[in-house]
Amino acid sequence: MGDDTIGHLERLVAELDAHGLLARVVQTQSGRRFVRVINPNATSLSENVTCRPAAAADLPDWWYCWSWGERLHTADDPAGAATKVARVLAAVGE
């Protein structure tokens, strides 16, 4: 599971960078990994995005999730996920 998670997170980082956001994969001491995303034009606008396998067989295999656990976007489309994150972290006037 760990290798799939890191691959999905790294692809998301590349897409977020293309949107002009600062993003990096972070690993906690417990081993949990997530992407820390910051809007460089408004650093108070930030989010942590996780990636996890689907819990149900009828869902796509992997999902990006918001910090509170809600599914954000399927992990097979990191560009789509990055677009959603960029929209949420956009400062007024951006």
PDB file of N, CA and C in Angstrom:
ATOM      1  N   MET A   1       0.823  -1.198   0.000  1.00  0.00           N
ATOM      2  CA  MET A   1       0.000   0.000   0.000  1.00  0.00           C
ATOM      3  C   MET A   1       0.858   1.248   0.000  1.00  0.00           C
ATOM      4  N   GLY A   2       1.964   1.277   0.734  1.00  0.00           N
ATOM      5  CA  GLY A   2       2.787   2.462   0.843  1.00  0.00           C
ATOM      6  C   GLY A   2       3.312   2.959  -0.483  1.00  0.00           C
ATOM      7  N   ASP A   3       3.753   2.040  -1.365  1.00  0.00           N
ATOM      8  CA  ASP A   3       4.305   2.447  -2.649  1.00  0.00           C
ATOM      9  C   ASP A   3       3.246   3.101  -3.515  1.00  0.00           C
ATOM     10  N   ASP A   4       2.036   2.560  -3.539  1.00  0.00           N
ATOM     11  CA  ASP A   4       0.954   3.180  -4.303  1.00  0.00           C
ATOM     12  C   ASP A   4       0.649   4.563  -3.757  1.00  0.00           C
ATOM     13  N   THR A   5       0.608   4.684  -2.452  1.00  0.00           N
ATOM     14  CA  THR A   5       0.292   5.966  -1.828  1.00  0.00           C
ATOM     15  C   THR A   5       1.312   7.022  -2.225  1.00  0.00           C
ATOM     16  N   ILE A   6       2.586   6.735  -2.111  1.00  0.00           N
ATOM     17  CA  ILE A   6       3.617   7.728  -2.407  1.00  0.00           C
ATOM     18  C   ILE A   6       3.594   8.114  -3.882  1.00  0.00           C
ATOM     19  N   GLY A   7       3.372   7.160  -4.759  1.00  0.00           N
ATOM     20  CA  GLY A   7       3.290   7.463  -6.192  1.00  0.00           C
ATOM     21  C   GLY A   7       2.153   8.406  -6.506  1.00  0.00           C
ATOM     22  N   HIS A   8       0.988   8.131  -5.940  1.00  0.00           N
ATOM     23  CA  HIS A   8      -0.173   9.009  -6.154  1.00  0.00           C
ATOM     24  C   HIS A   8       0.098  10.409  -5.591  1.00  0.00           C
ATOM     25  N   LEU A   9       0.687  10.466  -4.413  1.00  0.00           N
ATOM     26  CA  LEU A   9       0.959  11.768  -3.797  1.00  0.00           C
ATOM     27  C   LEU A   9       1.996  12.557  -4.599  1.00  0.00           C
ATOM     28  N   GLU A  10       3.018  11.889  -5.103  1.00  0.00           N
ATOM     29  CA  GLU A  10       4.032  12.583  -5.901  1.00  0.00           C
ATOM     30  C   GLU A  10       3.452  13.123  -7.209  1.00  0.00           C
ATOM     31  N   ARG A  11       2.555  12.379  -7.825  1.00  0.00           N
ATOM     32  CA  ARG A  11       1.899  12.872  -9.049  1.00  0.00           C
ATOM     33  C   ARG A  11       1.033  14.087  -8.734  1.00  0.00           C
ATOM     34  N   LEU A  12       0.377  14.079  -7.588  1.00  0.00           N
ATOM     35  CA  LEU A  12      -0.422  15.231  -7.192  1.00  0.00           C
ATOM     36  C   LEU A  12       0.467  16.455  -6.959  1.00  0.00           C
ATOM     37  N   VAL A  13       1.611  16.270  -6.318  1.00  0.00           N
ATOM     38  CA  VAL A  13       2.547  17.375  -6.081  1.00  0.00           C
ATOM     39  C   VAL A  13       2.937  18.028  -7.410  1.00  0.00           C
ATOM     40  N   ALA A  14       3.262  17.219  -8.418  1.00  0.00           N
ATOM     41  CA  ALA A  14       3.649  17.756  -9.724  1.00  0.00           C
ATOM     42  C   ALA A  14       2.533  18.600 -10.330  1.00  0.00           C
ATOM     43  N   GLU A  15       1.299  18.147 -10.201  1.00  0.00           N
ATOM     44  CA  GLU A  15       0.158  18.895 -10.749  1.00  0.00           C
ATOM     45  C   GLU A  15      -0.100  20.176  -9.956  1.00  0.00           C
ATOM     46  N   LEU A  16       0.032  20.105  -8.648  1.00  0.00           N
ATOM     47  CA  LEU A  16      -0.167  21.300  -7.821  1.00  0.00           C
ATOM     48  C   LEU A  16       0.901  22.346  -8.124  1.00  0.00           C
ATOM     49  N   ASP A  17       2.140  21.894  -8.328  1.00  0.00           N
ATOM     50  CA  ASP A  17       3.218  22.805  -8.717  1.00  0.00           C
ATOM     51  C   ASP A  17       2.865  23.520 -10.017  1.00  0.00           C
ATOM     52  N   ALA A  18       2.287  22.800 -10.973  1.00  0.00           N
ATOM     53  CA  ALA A  18       1.886  23.389 -12.255  1.00  0.00           C
ATOM     54  C   ALA A  18       0.812  24.457 -12.078  1.00  0.00           C
ATOM     55  N   HIS A  19       0.046  24.370 -10.990  1.00  0.00           N
ATOM     56  CA  HIS A  19      -0.973  25.373 -10.670  1.00  0.00           C
ATOM     57  C   HIS A  19      -0.394  26.546  -9.874  1.00  0.00           C
ATOM     58  N   GLY A  20       0.901  26.528  -9.622  1.00  0.00           N
ATOM     59  CA  GLY A  20       1.538  27.617  -8.889  1.00  0.00           C
ATOM     60  C   GLY A  20       1.444  27.508  -7.381  1.00  0.00           C
ATOM     61  N   LEU A  21       1.054  26.341  -6.890  1.00  0.00           N
ATOM     62  CA  LEU A  21       0.960  26.127  -5.451  1.00  0.00           C
ATOM     63  C   LEU A  21       2.239  25.473  -4.943  1.00  0.00           C
ATOM     64  N   LEU A  22       2.564  25.696  -3.695  1.00  0.00           N
ATOM     65  CA  LEU A  22       3.691  25.026  -3.058  1.00  0.00           C
ATOM     66  C   LEU A  22       3.162  23.716  -2.479  1.00  0.00           C
ATOM     67  N   ALA A  23       3.794  22.616  -2.838  1.00  0.00           N
ATOM     68  CA  ALA A  23       3.315  21.307  -2.378  1.00  0.00           C
ATOM     69  C   ALA A  23       4.498  20.377  -2.180  1.00  0.00           C
ATOM     70  N   ARG A  24       4.373  19.539  -1.148  1.00  0.00           N
ATOM     71  CA  ARG A  24       5.392  18.522  -0.907  1.00  0.00           C
ATOM     72  C   ARG A  24       4.768  17.377  -0.144  1.00  0.00           C
ATOM     73  N   VAL A  25       5.358  16.203  -0.314  1.00  0.00           N
ATOM     74  CA  VAL A  25       4.914  15.034   0.433  1.00  0.00           C
ATOM     75  C   VAL A  25       5.561  15.085   1.808  1.00  0.00           C
ATOM     76  N   VAL A  26       4.756  14.881   2.829  1.00  0.00           N
ATOM     77  CA  VAL A  26       5.215  14.865   4.216  1.00  0.00           C
ATOM     78  C   VAL A  26       4.930  13.480   4.783  1.00  0.00           C
ATOM     79  N   GLN A  27       5.874  12.981   5.553  1.00  0.00           N
ATOM     80  CA  GLN A  27       5.657  11.714   6.257  1.00  0.00           C
ATOM     81  C   GLN A  27       5.807  11.957   7.748  1.00  0.00           C
ATOM     82  N   THR A  28       4.784  11.584   8.502  1.00  0.00           N
ATOM     83  CA  THR A  28       4.821  11.759   9.943  1.00  0.00           C
ATOM     84  C   THR A  28       5.689  10.678  10.572  1.00  0.00           C
ATOM     85  N   GLN A  29       6.011  10.841  11.843  1.00  0.00           N
ATOM     86  CA  GLN A  29       6.792   9.825  12.551  1.00  0.00           C
ATOM     87  C   GLN A  29       6.081   8.481  12.579  1.00  0.00           C
ATOM     88  N   SER A  30       4.754   8.510  12.552  1.00  0.00           N
ATOM     89  CA  SER A  30       3.998   7.259  12.564  1.00  0.00           C
ATOM     90  C   SER A  30       3.961   6.600  11.186  1.00  0.00           C
ATOM     91  N   GLY A  31       4.471   7.289  10.157  1.00  0.00           N
ATOM     92  CA  GLY A  31       4.507   6.722   8.812  1.00  0.00           C
ATOM     93  C   GLY A  31       3.408   7.204   7.890  1.00  0.00           C
ATOM     94  N   ARG A  32       2.442   7.948   8.424  1.00  0.00           N
ATOM     95  CA  ARG A  32       1.348   8.457   7.594  1.00  0.00           C
ATOM     96  C   ARG A  32       1.900   9.498   6.624  1.00  0.00           C
ATOM     97  N   ARG A  33       1.472   9.420   5.368  1.00  0.00           N
ATOM     98  CA  ARG A  33       1.928  10.359   4.344  1.00  0.00           C
ATOM     99  C   ARG A  33       0.767  11.204   3.847  1.00  0.00           C
ATOM    100  N   PHE A  34       1.086  12.451   3.513  1.00  0.00           N
ATOM    101  CA  PHE A  34       0.097  13.356   2.933  1.00  0.00           C
ATOM    102  C   PHE A  34       0.824  14.445   2.161  1.00  0.00           C
ATOM    103  N   VAL A  35       0.070  15.193   1.358  1.00  0.00           N
ATOM    104  CA  VAL A  35       0.625  16.336   0.642  1.00  0.00           C
ATOM    105  C   VAL A  35       0.227  17.596   1.383  1.00  0.00           C
ATOM    106  N   ARG A  36       1.214  18.398   1.737  1.00  0.00           N
ATOM    107  CA  ARG A  36       0.989  19.713   2.347  1.00  0.00           C
ATOM    108  C   ARG A  36       0.987  20.711   1.203  1.00  0.00           C
ATOM    109  N   VAL A  37      -0.123  21.448   1.047  1.00  0.00           N
ATOM    110  CA  VAL A  37      -0.283  22.397  -0.044  1.00  0.00           C
ATOM    111  C   VAL A  37      -0.475  23.790   0.539  1.00  0.00           C
ATOM    112  N   ILE A  38       0.246  24.765  -0.016  1.00  0.00           N
ATOM    113  CA  ILE A  38       0.150  26.152   0.441  1.00  0.00           C
ATOM    114  C   ILE A  38       0.041  27.058  -0.778  1.00  0.00           C
ATOM    115  N   ASN A  39      -0.833  28.045  -0.693  1.00  0.00           N
ATOM    116  CA  ASN A  39      -0.907  29.083  -1.713  1.00  0.00           C
ATOM    117  C   ASN A  39       0.192  30.091  -1.389  1.00  0.00           C
ATOM    118  N   PRO A  40       1.218  30.241  -2.243  1.00  0.00           N
ATOM    119  CA  PRO A  40       2.330  31.148  -1.923  1.00  0.00           C
ATOM    120  C   PRO A  40       1.925  32.618  -1.901  1.00  0.00           C
ATOM    121  N   ASN A  41       0.782  32.941  -2.497  1.00  0.00           N
ATOM    122  CA  ASN A  41       0.297  34.321  -2.503  1.00  0.00           C
ATOM    123  C   ASN A  41      -0.557  34.652  -1.286  1.00  0.00           C
ATOM    124  N   ALA A  42      -0.921  33.634  -0.537  1.00  0.00           N
ATOM    125  CA  ALA A  42      -1.724  33.807   0.681  1.00  0.00           C
ATOM    126  C   ALA A  42      -1.434  32.582   1.557  1.00  0.00           C
ATOM    127  N   THR A  43      -0.327  32.630   2.277  1.00  0.00           N
ATOM    128  CA  THR A  43       0.160  31.432   2.975  1.00  0.00           C
ATOM    129  C   THR A  43      -0.777  30.897   4.053  1.00  0.00           C
ATOM    130  N   SER A  44      -1.758  31.691   4.459  1.00  0.00           N
ATOM    131  CA  SER A  44      -2.734  31.170   5.421  1.00  0.00           C
ATOM    132  C   SER A  44      -3.707  30.202   4.744  1.00  0.00           C
ATOM    133  N   LEU A  45      -3.720  30.177   3.418  1.00  0.00           N
ATOM    134  CA  LEU A  45      -4.561  29.243   2.672  1.00  0.00           C
ATOM    135  C   LEU A  45      -3.746  27.986   2.405  1.00  0.00           C
ATOM    136  N   SER A  46      -4.068  26.942   3.141  1.00  0.00           N
ATOM    137  CA  SER A  46      -3.308  25.695   3.033  1.00  0.00           C
ATOM    138  C   SER A  46      -4.229  24.508   3.274  1.00  0.00           C
ATOM    139  N   GLU A  47      -3.747  23.344   2.887  1.00  0.00           N
ATOM    140  CA  GLU A  47      -4.537  22.120   3.056  1.00  0.00           C
ATOM    141  C   GLU A  47      -3.590  20.934   3.076  1.00  0.00           C
ATOM    142  N   ASN A  48      -4.004  19.871   3.739  1.00  0.00           N
ATOM    143  CA  ASN A  48      -3.309  18.592   3.710  1.00  0.00           C
ATOM    144  C   ASN A  48      -4.197  17.609   2.958  1.00  0.00           C
ATOM    145  N   VAL A  49      -3.644  16.969   1.944  1.00  0.00           N
ATOM    146  CA  VAL A  49      -4.395  16.008   1.134  1.00  0.00           C
ATOM    147  C   VAL A  49      -3.785  14.628   1.337  1.00  0.00           C
ATOM    148  N   THR A  50      -4.622  13.659   1.655  1.00  0.00           N
ATOM    149  CA  THR A  50      -4.174  12.282   1.818  1.00  0.00           C
ATOM    150  C   THR A  50      -4.588  11.470   0.593  1.00  0.00           C
ATOM    151  N   CYS A  51      -4.131  10.243   0.547  1.00  0.00           N
ATOM    152  CA  CYS A  51      -4.539   9.322  -0.507  1.00  0.00           C
ATOM    153  C   CYS A  51      -4.750   7.965   0.143  1.00  0.00           C
ATOM    154  N   ARG A  52      -5.858   7.333  -0.211  1.00  0.00           N
ATOM    155  CA  ARG A  52      -6.123   6.028   0.396  1.00  0.00           C
ATOM    156  C   ARG A  52      -6.932   5.155  -0.557  1.00  0.00           C
ATOM    157  N   PRO A  53      -6.827   3.854  -0.360  1.00  0.00           N
ATOM    158  CA  PRO A  53      -7.600   2.946  -1.213  1.00  0.00           C
ATOM    159  C   PRO A  53      -9.083   3.052  -0.887  1.00  0.00           C
ATOM    160  N   ALA A  54      -9.893   2.743  -1.883  1.00  0.00           N
ATOM    161  CA  ALA A  54     -11.348   2.776  -1.694  1.00  0.00           C
ATOM    162  C   ALA A  54     -11.758   1.688  -0.717  1.00  0.00           C
ATOM    163  N   ALA A  55     -12.777   1.993   0.067  1.00  0.00           N
ATOM    164  CA  ALA A  55     -13.281   1.026   1.044  1.00  0.00           C
ATOM    165  C   ALA A  55     -14.318   0.092   0.428  1.00  0.00           C
ATOM    166  N   ALA A  56     -14.883   0.477  -0.724  1.00  0.00           N
ATOM    167  CA  ALA A  56     -15.942  -0.320  -1.345  1.00  0.00           C
ATOM    168  C   ALA A  56     -15.489  -0.799  -2.722  1.00  0.00           C
ATOM    169  N   ALA A  57     -15.915  -1.983  -3.078  1.00  0.00           N
ATOM    170  CA  ALA A  57     -15.498  -2.589  -4.344  1.00  0.00           C
ATOM    171  C   ALA A  57     -16.052  -1.852  -5.558  1.00  0.00           C
ATOM    172  N   ASP A  58     -17.159  -1.118  -5.407  1.00  0.00           N
ATOM    173  CA  ASP A  58     -17.767  -0.449  -6.556  1.00  0.00           C
ATOM    174  C   ASP A  58     -17.203   0.957  -6.804  1.00  0.00           C
ATOM    175  N   LEU A  59     -16.179   1.355  -6.056  1.00  0.00           N
ATOM    176  CA  LEU A  59     -15.548   2.659  -6.225  1.00  0.00           C
ATOM    177  C   LEU A  59     -14.200   2.502  -6.924  1.00  0.00           C
ATOM    178  N   PRO A  60     -13.700   3.582  -7.566  1.00  0.00           N
ATOM    179  CA  PRO A  60     -12.339   3.513  -8.114  1.00  0.00           C
ATOM    180  C   PRO A  60     -11.345   3.112  -7.028  1.00  0.00           C
ATOM    181  N   ASP A  61     -10.203   2.573  -7.447  1.00  0.00           N
ATOM    182  CA  ASP A  61      -9.236   1.972  -6.519  1.00  0.00           C
ATOM    183  C   ASP A  61      -8.696   2.911  -5.456  1.00  0.00           C
ATOM    184  N   TRP A  62      -8.251   4.116  -5.849  1.00  0.00           N
ATOM    185  CA  TRP A  62      -7.605   5.044  -4.922  1.00  0.00           C
ATOM    186  C   TRP A  62      -8.258   6.410  -5.010  1.00  0.00           C
ATOM    187  N   TRP A  63      -8.270   7.111  -3.866  1.00  0.00           N
ATOM    188  CA  TRP A  63      -8.878   8.441  -3.776  1.00  0.00           C
ATOM    189  C   TRP A  63      -7.950   9.413  -3.068  1.00  0.00           C
ATOM    190  N   TYR A  64      -7.926  10.654  -3.557  1.00  0.00           N
ATOM    191  CA  TYR A  64      -7.356  11.760  -2.787  1.00  0.00           C
ATOM    192  C   TYR A  64      -8.455  12.213  -1.840  1.00  0.00           C
ATOM    193  N   CYS A  65      -8.070  12.584  -0.627  1.00  0.00           N
ATOM    194  CA  CYS A  65      -9.054  12.993   0.374  1.00  0.00           C
ATOM    195  C   CYS A  65      -8.619  14.295   1.040  1.00  0.00           C
ATOM    196  N   TRP A  66      -9.614  15.112   1.371  1.00  0.00           N
ATOM    197  CA  TRP A  66      -9.366  16.340   2.125  1.00  0.00           C
ATOM    198  C   TRP A  66      -8.889  15.969   3.533  1.00  0.00           C
ATOM    199  N   SER A  67      -8.362  16.920   4.248  1.00  0.00           N
ATOM    200  CA  SER A  67      -7.812  16.662   5.586  1.00  0.00           C
ATOM    201  C   SER A  67      -8.857  16.123   6.557  1.00  0.00           C
ATOM    202  N   TRP A  68     -10.115  16.425   6.335  1.00  0.00           N
ATOM    203  CA  TRP A  68     -11.165  15.951   7.254  1.00  0.00           C
ATOM    204  C   TRP A  68     -11.710  14.589   6.827  1.00  0.00           C
ATOM    205  N   GLY A  69     -11.132  13.977   5.752  1.00  0.00           N
ATOM    206  CA  GLY A  69     -11.493  12.619   5.370  1.00  0.00           C
ATOM    207  C   GLY A  69     -12.457  12.494   4.207  1.00  0.00           C
ATOM    208  N   GLU A  70     -13.086  13.565   3.797  1.00  0.00           N
ATOM    209  CA  GLU A  70     -14.017  13.508   2.669  1.00  0.00           C
ATOM    210  C   GLU A  70     -13.246  13.257   1.374  1.00  0.00           C
ATOM    211  N   ARG A  71     -13.815  12.386   0.501  1.00  0.00           N
ATOM    212  CA  ARG A  71     -13.166  12.129  -0.779  1.00  0.00           C
ATOM    213  C   ARG A  71     -13.130  13.405  -1.617  1.00  0.00           C
ATOM    214  N   LEU A  72     -11.982  13.666  -2.206  1.00  0.00           N
ATOM    215  CA  LEU A  72     -11.755  14.846  -3.033  1.00  0.00           C
ATOM    216  C   LEU A  72     -11.878  14.514  -4.506  1.00  0.00           C
ATOM    217  N   HIS A  73     -11.150  13.483  -4.951  1.00  0.00           N
ATOM    218  CA  HIS A  73     -11.099  13.153  -6.372  1.00  0.00           C
ATOM    219  C   HIS A  73     -10.404  11.798  -6.525  1.00  0.00           C
ATOM    220  N   THR A  74     -10.683  11.105  -7.620  1.00  0.00           N
ATOM    221  CA  THR A  74     -10.006   9.832  -7.844  1.00  0.00           C
ATOM    222  C   THR A  74      -8.518  10.059  -8.095  1.00  0.00           C
ATOM    223  N   ALA A  75      -7.706   9.156  -7.595  1.00  0.00           N
ATOM    224  CA  ALA A  75      -6.255   9.305  -7.699  1.00  0.00           C
ATOM    225  C   ALA A  75      -5.738   9.019  -9.103  1.00  0.00           C
ATOM    226  N   ASP A  76      -6.558   8.464  -9.976  1.00  0.00           N
ATOM    227  CA  ASP A  76      -6.104   8.241 -11.347  1.00  0.00           C
ATOM    228  C   ASP A  76      -6.178   9.514 -12.182  1.00  0.00           C
ATOM    229  N   ASP A  77      -6.610  10.621 -11.587  1.00  0.00           N
ATOM    230  CA  ASP A  77      -6.685  11.917 -12.266  1.00  0.00           C
ATOM    231  C   ASP A  77      -6.098  13.010 -11.361  1.00  0.00           C
ATOM    232  N   PRO A  78      -4.775  13.015 -11.159  1.00  0.00           N
ATOM    233  CA  PRO A  78      -4.186  14.027 -10.278  1.00  0.00           C
ATOM    234  C   PRO A  78      -4.386  15.452 -10.784  1.00  0.00           C
ATOM    235  N   ALA A  79      -4.489  15.642 -12.094  1.00  0.00           N
ATOM    236  CA  ALA A  79      -4.722  16.989 -12.632  1.00  0.00           C
ATOM    237  C   ALA A  79      -6.090  17.516 -12.192  1.00  0.00           C
ATOM    238  N   GLY A  80      -7.097  16.652 -12.224  1.00  0.00           N
ATOM    239  CA  GLY A  80      -8.431  17.053 -11.772  1.00  0.00           C
ATOM    240  C   GLY A  80      -8.452  17.373 -10.290  1.00  0.00           C
ATOM    241  N   ALA A  81      -7.735  16.568  -9.506  1.00  0.00           N
ATOM    242  CA  ALA A  81      -7.651  16.829  -8.068  1.00  0.00           C
ATOM    243  C   ALA A  81      -6.940  18.145  -7.802  1.00  0.00           C
ATOM    244  N   ALA A  82      -5.852  18.404  -8.532  1.00  0.00           N
ATOM    245  CA  ALA A  82      -5.097  19.647  -8.345  1.00  0.00           C
ATOM    246  C   ALA A  82      -5.949  20.861  -8.694  1.00  0.00           C
ATOM    247  N   THR A  83      -6.767  20.747  -9.718  1.00  0.00           N
ATOM    248  CA  THR A  83      -7.655  21.853 -10.097  1.00  0.00           C
ATOM    249  C   THR A  83      -8.622  22.171  -8.966  1.00  0.00           C
ATOM    250  N   LYS A  84      -9.180  21.142  -8.333  1.00  0.00           N
ATOM    251  CA  LYS A  84     -10.103  21.361  -7.212  1.00  0.00           C
ATOM    252  C   LYS A  84      -9.396  22.011  -6.026  1.00  0.00           C
ATOM    253  N   VAL A  85      -8.210  21.517  -5.701  1.00  0.00           N
ATOM    254  CA  VAL A  85      -7.461  22.079  -4.578  1.00  0.00           C
ATOM    255  C   VAL A  85      -7.098  23.537  -4.867  1.00  0.00           C
ATOM    256  N   ALA A  86      -6.654  23.817  -6.095  1.00  0.00           N
ATOM    257  CA  ALA A  86      -6.293  25.188  -6.467  1.00  0.00           C
ATOM    258  C   ALA A  86      -7.491  26.124  -6.344  1.00  0.00           C
ATOM    259  N   ARG A  87      -8.660  25.655  -6.719  1.00  0.00           N
ATOM    260  CA  ARG A  87      -9.871  26.480  -6.617  1.00  0.00           C
ATOM    261  C   ARG A  87     -10.185  26.787  -5.148  1.00  0.00           C
ATOM    262  N   VAL A  88     -10.046  25.816  -4.284  1.00  0.00           N
ATOM    263  CA  VAL A  88     -10.339  25.998  -2.869  1.00  0.00           C
ATOM    264  C   VAL A  88      -9.311  26.929  -2.212  1.00  0.00           C
ATOM    265  N   LEU A  89      -8.054  26.829  -2.616  1.00  0.00           N
ATOM    266  CA  LEU A  89      -6.996  27.626  -1.989  1.00  0.00           C
ATOM    267  C   LEU A  89      -6.749  28.969  -2.686  1.00  0.00           C
ATOM    268  N   ALA A  90      -7.551  29.300  -3.673  1.00  0.00           N
ATOM    269  CA  ALA A  90      -7.361  30.570  -4.385  1.00  0.00           C
ATOM    270  C   ALA A  90      -7.701  31.751  -3.475  1.00  0.00           C
ATOM    271  N   ALA A  91      -6.832  32.757  -3.501  1.00  0.00           N
ATOM    272  CA  ALA A  91      -7.092  33.990  -2.763  1.00  0.00           C
ATOM    273  C   ALA A  91      -8.078  34.841  -3.560  1.00  0.00           C
ATOM    274  N   VAL A  92      -8.788  35.710  -2.903  1.00  0.00           N
ATOM    275  CA  VAL A  92      -9.721  36.615  -3.588  1.00  0.00           C
ATOM    276  C   VAL A  92      -8.928  37.409  -4.621  1.00  0.00           C
ATOM    277  N   GLY A  93      -9.440  37.435  -5.842  1.00  0.00           N
ATOM    278  CA  GLY A  93      -8.784  38.175  -6.917  1.00  0.00           C
ATOM    279  C   GLY A  93      -7.809  37.368  -7.727  1.00  0.00           C
ATOM    280  N   GLU A  94      -7.528  36.116  -7.324  1.00  0.00           N
ATOM    281  CA  GLU A  94      -6.593  35.278  -8.098  1.00  0.00           C
ATOM    282  C   GLU A  94      -7.293  34.680  -9.291  1.00  0.00           C
TER     283      GLU A  94
END
